[in-house]
Amino acid sequence: MDRALLIDVLPDRQGAAGRDLGLGGMGFSLGGAIGPVLAGQVVGLTGGYGLVWVMAILIALVATVAIVPVKKVK
């Protein structure tokens, strides 16, 4: 669903679509690559998963607020 929305809201489908899709793909992939590393560090420093869950909830709330301005696709 996220990738479909990304494709629908590309600003320039003809000229810079490859670059925009590449940046979007990098954004989708970085979370899965960096998340476990950061979570491991947090667990190592705090000795538990409590802060990891708090961070995950905060990130989800920020993502929710960030998607709200996308009302509809042209």
C-alpha atoms as a PDB file:
ATOM      1  CA  MET A   1       0.000   0.000   0.000  1.00  0.00           C
ATOM      2  CA  ASP A   2       2.787   2.435   0.856  1.00  0.00           C
ATOM      3  CA  ARG A   3       4.599   1.862  -2.416  1.00  0.00           C
ATOM      4  CA  ALA A   4       1.382   2.259  -4.389  1.00  0.00           C
ATOM      5  CA  LEU A   5       0.753   5.608  -2.698  1.00  0.00           C
ATOM      6  CA  LEU A   6       4.348   6.629  -3.404  1.00  0.00           C
ATOM      7  CA  ILE A   7       3.909   5.885  -7.099  1.00  0.00           C
ATOM      8  CA  ASP A   8       0.609   7.772  -7.228  1.00  0.00           C
ATOM      9  CA  VAL A   9       2.052  10.928  -5.663  1.00  0.00           C
ATOM     10  CA  LEU A  10       5.274  11.178  -7.681  1.00  0.00           C
ATOM     11  CA  PRO A  11       5.739  14.840  -8.634  1.00  0.00           C
ATOM     12  CA  ASP A  12       7.293  14.140 -12.054  1.00  0.00           C
ATOM     13  CA  ARG A  13       6.427  10.739 -13.460  1.00  0.00           C
ATOM     14  CA  GLN A  14       8.340  11.248 -16.705  1.00  0.00           C
ATOM     15  CA  GLY A  15      11.594  12.995 -15.872  1.00  0.00           C
ATOM     16  CA  ALA A  16      12.638  12.033 -12.371  1.00  0.00           C
ATOM     17  CA  ALA A  17      10.498   8.985 -11.637  1.00  0.00           C
ATOM     18  CA  GLY A  18      13.505   6.664 -11.349  1.00  0.00           C
ATOM     19  CA  ARG A  19      15.234   8.925  -8.867  1.00  0.00           C
ATOM     20  CA  ASP A  20      12.068   9.401  -6.828  1.00  0.00           C
ATOM     21  CA  LEU A  21      11.309   5.677  -6.775  1.00  0.00           C
ATOM     22  CA  GLY A  22      14.918   4.983  -5.769  1.00  0.00           C
ATOM     23  CA  LEU A  23      14.700   7.410  -2.871  1.00  0.00           C
ATOM     24  CA  GLY A  24      11.366   5.923  -1.832  1.00  0.00           C
ATOM     25  CA  GLY A  25      12.775   2.406  -1.992  1.00  0.00           C
ATOM     26  CA  MET A  26      15.737   3.494   0.095  1.00  0.00           C
ATOM     27  CA  GLY A  27      13.364   4.976   2.646  1.00  0.00           C
ATOM     28  CA  PHE A  28      11.395   1.734   2.834  1.00  0.00           C
ATOM     29  CA  SER A  29      14.568  -0.362   3.191  1.00  0.00           C
ATOM     30  CA  LEU A  30      16.480   1.765   5.674  1.00  0.00           C
ATOM     31  CA  GLY A  31      13.974   1.197   8.463  1.00  0.00           C
ATOM     32  CA  GLY A  32      14.412  -2.542   8.224  1.00  0.00           C
ATOM     33  CA  ALA A  33      18.187  -2.211   8.119  1.00  0.00           C
ATOM     34  CA  ILE A  34      18.734   0.407  10.811  1.00  0.00           C
ATOM     35  CA  GLY A  35      15.891  -0.521  13.170  1.00  0.00           C
ATOM     36  CA  PRO A  36      17.376  -3.754  14.538  1.00  0.00           C
ATOM     37  CA  VAL A  37      20.761  -2.099  15.060  1.00  0.00           C
ATOM     38  CA  LEU A  38      19.267   0.815  16.994  1.00  0.00           C
ATOM     39  CA  ALA A  39      16.910  -1.440  18.940  1.00  0.00           C
ATOM     40  CA  GLY A  40      19.822  -3.693  19.888  1.00  0.00           C
ATOM     41  CA  GLN A  41      21.744  -0.691  21.176  1.00  0.00           C
ATOM     42  CA  VAL A  42      18.754   0.514  23.199  1.00  0.00           C
ATOM     43  CA  VAL A  43      18.204  -2.948  24.692  1.00  0.00           C
ATOM     44  CA  GLY A  44      21.902  -3.207  25.490  1.00  0.00           C
ATOM     45  CA  LEU A  45      21.967   0.178  27.209  1.00  0.00           C
ATOM     46  CA  THR A  46      18.700  -0.116  29.119  1.00  0.00           C
ATOM     47  CA  GLY A  47      18.597  -3.861  29.738  1.00  0.00           C
ATOM     48  CA  GLY A  48      15.055  -4.284  28.423  1.00  0.00           C
ATOM     49  CA  TYR A  49      12.622  -3.686  25.603  1.00  0.00           C
ATOM     50  CA  GLY A  50      10.449  -1.046  27.295  1.00  0.00           C
ATOM     51  CA  LEU A  51      12.149   1.929  25.639  1.00  0.00           C
ATOM     52  CA  VAL A  52      12.123   0.151  22.266  1.00  0.00           C
ATOM     53  CA  TRP A  53       8.309  -0.086  22.449  1.00  0.00           C
ATOM     54  CA  VAL A  54       8.007   3.566  23.461  1.00  0.00           C
ATOM     55  CA  MET A  55      10.227   4.594  20.532  1.00  0.00           C
ATOM     56  CA  ALA A  56       8.205   2.422  18.137  1.00  0.00           C
ATOM     57  CA  ILE A  57       4.957   4.028  19.261  1.00  0.00           C
ATOM     58  CA  LEU A  58       6.419   7.525  18.889  1.00  0.00           C
ATOM     59  CA  ILE A  59       7.729   6.752  15.396  1.00  0.00           C
ATOM     60  CA  ALA A  60       4.321   5.348  14.396  1.00  0.00           C
ATOM     61  CA  LEU A  61       2.613   8.507  15.657  1.00  0.00           C
ATOM     62  CA  VAL A  62       5.031  10.724  13.733  1.00  0.00           C
ATOM     63  CA  ALA A  63       4.406   8.656  10.590  1.00  0.00           C
ATOM     64  CA  THR A  64       0.655   8.998  11.088  1.00  0.00           C
ATOM     65  CA  VAL A  65       0.926  12.770  11.375  1.00  0.00           C
ATOM     66  CA  ALA A  66       3.204  12.895   8.315  1.00  0.00           C
ATOM     67  CA  ILE A  67       0.715  11.023   6.101  1.00  0.00           C
ATOM     68  CA  VAL A  68      -2.325  13.095   7.096  1.00  0.00           C
ATOM     69  CA  PRO A  69      -1.597  15.910   4.562  1.00  0.00           C
ATOM     70  CA  VAL A  70      -1.903  13.379   1.703  1.00  0.00           C
ATOM     71  CA  LYS A  71      -5.669  13.747   1.298  1.00  0.00           C
ATOM     72  CA  LYS A  72      -6.064  12.311  -2.149  1.00  0.00           C
ATOM     73  CA  VAL A  73      -4.092  11.392  -5.215  1.00  0.00           C
ATOM     74  CA  LYS A  74      -4.416  13.468  -8.370  1.00  0.00           C
END
